[in-house]
N, C-alpha and C. Protein backbone atom coordinates (compact mmCIF):
# COMPACT_ATOMS: atom_id res chain seq x y z
N UNK A 1 4.91 -27.96 114.70
CA UNK A 1 5.13 -26.58 115.00
C UNK A 1 4.04 -26.09 115.92
N UNK A 2 4.46 -25.21 116.89
CA UNK A 2 3.41 -24.77 117.77
C UNK A 2 2.61 -23.61 117.15
N UNK A 3 1.53 -23.31 117.74
CA UNK A 3 0.60 -22.23 117.25
C UNK A 3 1.29 -20.87 117.34
N UNK A 4 2.04 -20.64 118.35
CA UNK A 4 2.71 -19.35 118.52
C UNK A 4 3.78 -19.06 117.43
N UNK A 5 4.47 -20.08 117.01
CA UNK A 5 5.45 -19.91 115.95
C UNK A 5 4.74 -19.61 114.61
N UNK A 6 3.61 -20.37 114.35
CA UNK A 6 2.86 -20.15 113.12
C UNK A 6 2.27 -18.77 113.18
N UNK A 7 1.86 -18.27 114.32
CA UNK A 7 1.24 -16.94 114.46
C UNK A 7 2.26 -15.83 114.17
N UNK A 8 3.57 -16.08 114.45
CA UNK A 8 4.63 -15.11 114.18
C UNK A 8 4.84 -15.15 112.71
N UNK A 9 4.91 -16.21 112.08
CA UNK A 9 5.37 -16.34 110.68
C UNK A 9 4.30 -15.86 109.65
N UNK A 10 3.02 -15.86 110.12
CA UNK A 10 1.98 -15.42 109.13
C UNK A 10 2.18 -13.99 108.68
N UNK A 11 2.29 -13.00 109.54
CA UNK A 11 2.57 -11.66 109.06
C UNK A 11 3.88 -11.53 108.26
N UNK A 12 4.89 -12.18 108.72
CA UNK A 12 6.20 -12.08 107.99
C UNK A 12 6.08 -12.63 106.57
N UNK A 13 5.44 -13.79 106.41
CA UNK A 13 5.26 -14.34 105.09
C UNK A 13 4.32 -13.44 104.26
N UNK A 14 3.29 -12.86 104.86
CA UNK A 14 2.40 -11.95 104.19
C UNK A 14 3.15 -10.80 103.65
N UNK A 15 3.98 -10.16 104.46
CA UNK A 15 4.77 -9.02 103.98
C UNK A 15 5.70 -9.43 102.89
N UNK A 16 6.33 -10.52 103.00
CA UNK A 16 7.33 -10.94 102.00
C UNK A 16 6.61 -11.22 100.64
N UNK A 17 5.45 -11.86 100.67
CA UNK A 17 4.75 -12.14 99.44
C UNK A 17 4.21 -10.88 98.91
N UNK A 18 3.65 -10.00 99.72
CA UNK A 18 3.11 -8.70 99.15
C UNK A 18 4.29 -7.87 98.54
N UNK A 19 5.44 -7.86 99.17
CA UNK A 19 6.61 -7.11 98.61
C UNK A 19 7.03 -7.77 97.30
N UNK A 20 7.06 -9.09 97.21
CA UNK A 20 7.45 -9.73 96.00
C UNK A 20 6.49 -9.39 94.86
N UNK A 21 5.22 -9.39 95.19
CA UNK A 21 4.26 -9.08 94.11
C UNK A 21 4.39 -7.63 93.72
N UNK A 22 4.61 -6.69 94.54
CA UNK A 22 4.89 -5.36 94.20
C UNK A 22 6.14 -5.22 93.32
N UNK A 23 7.22 -5.86 93.68
CA UNK A 23 8.43 -5.83 92.93
C UNK A 23 8.24 -6.42 91.52
N UNK A 24 7.56 -7.53 91.40
CA UNK A 24 7.35 -8.11 90.12
C UNK A 24 6.50 -7.20 89.24
N UNK A 25 5.48 -6.53 89.78
CA UNK A 25 4.68 -5.62 89.07
C UNK A 25 5.49 -4.39 88.56
N UNK A 26 6.37 -3.87 89.39
CA UNK A 26 7.17 -2.71 89.00
C UNK A 26 8.17 -3.19 87.86
N UNK A 27 8.84 -4.30 88.03
CA UNK A 27 9.79 -4.77 87.09
C UNK A 27 9.12 -5.02 85.78
N UNK A 28 7.98 -5.69 85.77
CA UNK A 28 7.29 -6.01 84.48
C UNK A 28 6.81 -4.72 83.82
N UNK A 29 6.39 -3.78 84.53
CA UNK A 29 5.97 -2.47 83.97
C UNK A 29 7.15 -1.79 83.33
N UNK A 30 8.31 -1.87 84.01
CA UNK A 30 9.53 -1.16 83.47
C UNK A 30 9.99 -1.91 82.21
N UNK A 31 9.98 -3.22 82.24
CA UNK A 31 10.34 -3.98 81.01
C UNK A 31 9.41 -3.68 79.86
N UNK A 32 8.14 -3.55 80.08
CA UNK A 32 7.20 -3.19 79.02
C UNK A 32 7.45 -1.89 78.45
N UNK A 33 7.78 -0.89 79.32
CA UNK A 33 8.07 0.44 78.82
C UNK A 33 9.38 0.47 78.02
N UNK A 34 10.42 -0.29 78.47
CA UNK A 34 11.67 -0.39 77.70
C UNK A 34 11.42 -1.01 76.33
N UNK A 35 10.64 -2.05 76.26
CA UNK A 35 10.33 -2.72 75.02
C UNK A 35 9.57 -1.74 74.08
N UNK A 36 8.67 -0.90 74.58
CA UNK A 36 7.96 0.07 73.80
C UNK A 36 8.96 1.09 73.26
N UNK A 37 9.92 1.53 74.02
CA UNK A 37 10.88 2.52 73.57
C UNK A 37 11.74 1.89 72.51
N UNK A 38 12.17 0.66 72.66
CA UNK A 38 13.03 0.02 71.71
C UNK A 38 12.31 -0.16 70.31
N UNK A 39 11.01 -0.34 70.41
CA UNK A 39 10.24 -0.49 69.18
C UNK A 39 9.81 0.80 68.57
N UNK A 40 10.20 1.89 69.16
CA UNK A 40 9.83 3.29 68.69
C UNK A 40 8.42 3.71 69.04
N UNK A 41 7.81 3.03 69.93
CA UNK A 41 6.42 3.43 70.32
C UNK A 41 6.51 4.53 71.44
N UNK A 42 5.51 5.31 71.49
CA UNK A 42 5.48 6.35 72.53
C UNK A 42 4.79 5.78 73.80
N UNK A 43 5.37 6.08 74.92
CA UNK A 43 4.81 5.64 76.19
C UNK A 43 3.63 6.50 76.53
N UNK A 44 2.42 5.83 76.75
CA UNK A 44 1.23 6.69 77.01
C UNK A 44 1.33 7.39 78.44
N UNK A 45 0.90 8.61 78.45
CA UNK A 45 0.91 9.33 79.68
C UNK A 45 -0.26 8.95 80.56
N UNK A 46 -0.11 9.05 81.84
CA UNK A 46 -1.19 8.73 82.75
C UNK A 46 -2.23 9.79 82.69
N UNK A 47 -3.49 9.28 82.63
CA UNK A 47 -4.60 10.27 82.57
C UNK A 47 -4.94 10.66 83.97
N UNK A 48 -5.31 11.93 84.19
CA UNK A 48 -5.80 12.36 85.51
C UNK A 48 -7.09 11.64 85.90
N UNK A 49 -7.31 11.66 87.19
CA UNK A 49 -8.50 11.01 87.69
C UNK A 49 -9.77 11.56 86.97
N UNK A 50 -10.63 10.64 86.56
CA UNK A 50 -11.82 11.05 85.91
C UNK A 50 -12.88 11.54 86.84
N UNK A 51 -12.76 11.33 88.13
CA UNK A 51 -13.72 11.69 89.12
C UNK A 51 -13.07 12.79 89.98
N UNK A 52 -13.43 14.01 89.75
CA UNK A 52 -12.84 15.10 90.47
C UNK A 52 -13.29 15.20 91.97
N UNK A 53 -14.37 14.47 92.30
CA UNK A 53 -14.91 14.55 93.67
C UNK A 53 -14.63 13.22 94.42
N UNK A 54 -13.59 12.49 93.99
CA UNK A 54 -13.24 11.18 94.68
C UNK A 54 -12.80 11.38 96.04
N UNK A 55 -12.08 12.47 96.33
CA UNK A 55 -11.66 12.79 97.72
C UNK A 55 -12.83 13.11 98.59
N UNK A 56 -13.86 13.68 98.02
CA UNK A 56 -15.07 13.95 98.82
C UNK A 56 -15.71 12.71 99.32
N UNK A 57 -15.79 11.63 98.49
CA UNK A 57 -16.38 10.38 98.93
C UNK A 57 -15.57 9.76 100.08
N UNK A 58 -14.24 9.78 99.94
CA UNK A 58 -13.38 9.28 100.99
C UNK A 58 -13.52 10.10 102.31
N UNK A 59 -13.66 11.43 102.23
CA UNK A 59 -13.85 12.20 103.37
C UNK A 59 -15.19 11.92 104.01
N UNK A 60 -16.21 11.80 103.17
CA UNK A 60 -17.48 11.43 103.75
C UNK A 60 -17.51 10.12 104.45
N UNK A 61 -16.78 9.15 103.88
CA UNK A 61 -16.70 7.85 104.58
C UNK A 61 -15.99 8.01 105.85
N UNK A 62 -14.86 8.76 105.94
CA UNK A 62 -14.21 8.95 107.29
C UNK A 62 -15.06 9.61 108.30
N UNK A 63 -15.84 10.61 107.89
CA UNK A 63 -16.72 11.28 108.80
C UNK A 63 -17.82 10.31 109.28
N UNK A 64 -18.36 9.49 108.35
CA UNK A 64 -19.37 8.49 108.71
C UNK A 64 -18.82 7.46 109.71
N UNK A 65 -17.61 7.02 109.53
CA UNK A 65 -16.96 6.08 110.37
C UNK A 65 -16.79 6.67 111.78
N UNK A 66 -16.34 7.99 111.78
CA UNK A 66 -16.15 8.66 113.07
C UNK A 66 -17.44 8.76 113.83
N UNK A 67 -18.49 9.12 113.14
CA UNK A 67 -19.85 9.23 113.79
C UNK A 67 -20.26 7.83 114.26
N UNK A 68 -20.00 6.83 113.44
CA UNK A 68 -20.24 5.48 113.95
C UNK A 68 -19.56 4.99 115.08
N UNK A 69 -18.30 5.37 115.28
CA UNK A 69 -17.56 5.10 116.47
C UNK A 69 -18.14 5.73 117.68
N UNK A 70 -18.51 7.02 117.51
CA UNK A 70 -19.11 7.77 118.63
C UNK A 70 -20.46 7.14 119.06
N UNK A 71 -21.25 6.85 118.09
CA UNK A 71 -22.62 6.22 118.37
C UNK A 71 -22.38 4.87 119.03
N UNK A 72 -21.39 4.15 118.45
CA UNK A 72 -21.15 2.80 118.98
C UNK A 72 -20.70 2.86 120.47
N UNK A 73 -19.92 3.87 120.83
CA UNK A 73 -19.56 4.03 122.20
C UNK A 73 -20.80 4.34 123.06
N UNK A 74 -21.67 5.12 122.60
CA UNK A 74 -22.92 5.45 123.31
C UNK A 74 -23.69 4.22 123.47
N UNK A 75 -23.87 3.42 122.40
CA UNK A 75 -24.67 2.22 122.50
C UNK A 75 -24.00 1.17 123.45
N UNK A 76 -22.67 1.14 123.42
CA UNK A 76 -21.96 0.21 124.36
C UNK A 76 -22.21 0.62 125.84
N UNK A 77 -22.17 1.85 126.11
CA UNK A 77 -22.39 2.38 127.50
C UNK A 77 -23.85 2.20 127.91
N UNK A 78 -24.79 2.21 126.92
CA UNK A 78 -26.19 2.00 127.35
C UNK A 78 -26.57 0.58 127.55
N UNK A 79 -25.76 -0.31 127.04
CA UNK A 79 -26.04 -1.76 127.19
C UNK A 79 -27.15 -2.28 126.43
N UNK A 80 -27.36 -1.78 125.24
CA UNK A 80 -28.47 -2.19 124.35
C UNK A 80 -28.28 -3.65 123.90
N UNK A 81 -26.99 -3.96 123.48
CA UNK A 81 -26.64 -5.32 123.01
C UNK A 81 -26.02 -6.10 124.08
N UNK A 82 -26.06 -7.46 123.97
CA UNK A 82 -25.41 -8.23 124.92
C UNK A 82 -23.92 -8.23 124.82
N UNK A 83 -23.43 -8.01 123.59
CA UNK A 83 -21.98 -7.94 123.37
C UNK A 83 -21.69 -6.55 122.92
N UNK A 84 -20.69 -5.91 123.54
CA UNK A 84 -20.40 -4.47 123.31
C UNK A 84 -19.86 -4.24 121.90
N UNK A 85 -19.23 -5.21 121.28
CA UNK A 85 -18.68 -4.94 119.97
C UNK A 85 -19.75 -4.78 118.87
N UNK A 86 -20.92 -5.35 119.09
CA UNK A 86 -21.96 -5.21 118.12
C UNK A 86 -22.41 -3.81 117.88
N UNK A 87 -22.43 -3.02 118.85
CA UNK A 87 -22.79 -1.60 118.67
C UNK A 87 -21.78 -0.84 117.81
N UNK A 88 -20.45 -1.11 118.09
CA UNK A 88 -19.49 -0.43 117.31
C UNK A 88 -19.56 -0.84 115.87
N UNK A 89 -19.52 -2.19 115.58
CA UNK A 89 -19.49 -2.59 114.16
C UNK A 89 -20.75 -2.16 113.41
N UNK A 90 -21.89 -2.35 114.04
CA UNK A 90 -23.11 -1.93 113.33
C UNK A 90 -23.19 -0.46 113.12
N UNK A 91 -22.75 0.33 114.05
CA UNK A 91 -22.77 1.82 113.87
C UNK A 91 -21.77 2.21 112.78
N UNK A 92 -20.54 1.60 112.81
CA UNK A 92 -19.55 2.00 111.76
C UNK A 92 -20.09 1.72 110.44
N UNK A 93 -20.61 0.51 110.13
CA UNK A 93 -21.12 0.14 108.83
C UNK A 93 -22.35 0.94 108.45
N UNK A 94 -23.21 1.21 109.39
CA UNK A 94 -24.43 1.99 109.16
C UNK A 94 -24.08 3.44 108.73
N UNK A 95 -23.30 4.11 109.56
CA UNK A 95 -23.01 5.50 109.29
C UNK A 95 -22.02 5.68 108.15
N UNK A 96 -21.07 4.72 107.98
CA UNK A 96 -20.15 4.78 106.84
C UNK A 96 -20.88 4.55 105.54
N UNK A 97 -21.80 3.65 105.54
CA UNK A 97 -22.60 3.38 104.28
C UNK A 97 -23.51 4.57 103.98
N UNK A 98 -24.13 5.12 105.00
CA UNK A 98 -24.99 6.21 104.82
C UNK A 98 -24.25 7.47 104.25
N UNK A 99 -23.04 7.62 104.78
CA UNK A 99 -22.23 8.75 104.29
C UNK A 99 -21.81 8.59 102.84
N UNK A 100 -21.53 7.28 102.47
CA UNK A 100 -21.22 7.04 101.05
C UNK A 100 -22.40 7.32 100.20
N UNK A 101 -23.54 6.85 100.57
CA UNK A 101 -24.81 7.10 99.86
C UNK A 101 -25.09 8.56 99.63
N UNK A 102 -24.97 9.30 100.74
CA UNK A 102 -25.22 10.74 100.68
C UNK A 102 -24.19 11.45 99.76
N UNK A 103 -22.92 11.01 99.86
CA UNK A 103 -21.88 11.66 99.04
C UNK A 103 -22.15 11.34 97.58
N UNK A 104 -22.54 10.15 97.23
CA UNK A 104 -22.80 9.81 95.82
C UNK A 104 -23.99 10.63 95.28
N UNK A 105 -25.05 10.73 96.10
CA UNK A 105 -26.18 11.51 95.73
C UNK A 105 -25.86 12.94 95.51
N UNK A 106 -25.05 13.54 96.40
CA UNK A 106 -24.53 14.83 96.23
C UNK A 106 -23.67 15.05 94.96
N UNK A 107 -22.79 14.14 94.73
CA UNK A 107 -21.93 14.21 93.57
C UNK A 107 -22.72 14.13 92.33
N UNK A 108 -23.65 13.26 92.23
CA UNK A 108 -24.56 13.12 91.05
C UNK A 108 -25.28 14.40 90.77
N UNK A 109 -25.81 15.02 91.83
CA UNK A 109 -26.56 16.26 91.72
C UNK A 109 -25.65 17.37 91.21
N UNK A 110 -24.45 17.45 91.72
CA UNK A 110 -23.43 18.41 91.28
C UNK A 110 -23.07 18.24 89.82
N UNK A 111 -22.85 16.97 89.45
CA UNK A 111 -22.43 16.68 88.05
C UNK A 111 -23.54 16.98 87.07
N UNK A 112 -24.80 16.67 87.47
CA UNK A 112 -25.96 16.98 86.57
C UNK A 112 -26.13 18.45 86.49
N UNK A 113 -25.92 19.17 87.58
CA UNK A 113 -26.08 20.63 87.53
C UNK A 113 -25.00 21.25 86.64
N UNK A 114 -23.76 20.70 86.70
CA UNK A 114 -22.70 21.20 85.88
C UNK A 114 -22.99 21.01 84.34
N UNK A 115 -23.61 19.91 83.98
CA UNK A 115 -23.88 19.54 82.56
C UNK A 115 -25.04 20.28 82.06
């Protein structure tokens, strides 16, 4: 088989396998709930998210990634690195990680202040 044909089938097989895993998970969860009802057990309700500031962390990550892309573009145009991709990747990881750290520190401070 040629490399091009294999390259086409990799995403197709990945989607099929991912879909099959999702369907098996849904069907097994449904069967478990049906068995619980037949045995007279009550189906547990889903608990709300225990972290009310979870969206804040995701938002901080997205802002950090956006700043990293901007700084990476500046680094690429300045020619600091021999390969232009290095500036993008390093800036995205640096600013995304810094945003996560700052968000966690902020959330911990807010939660301690609340208690």
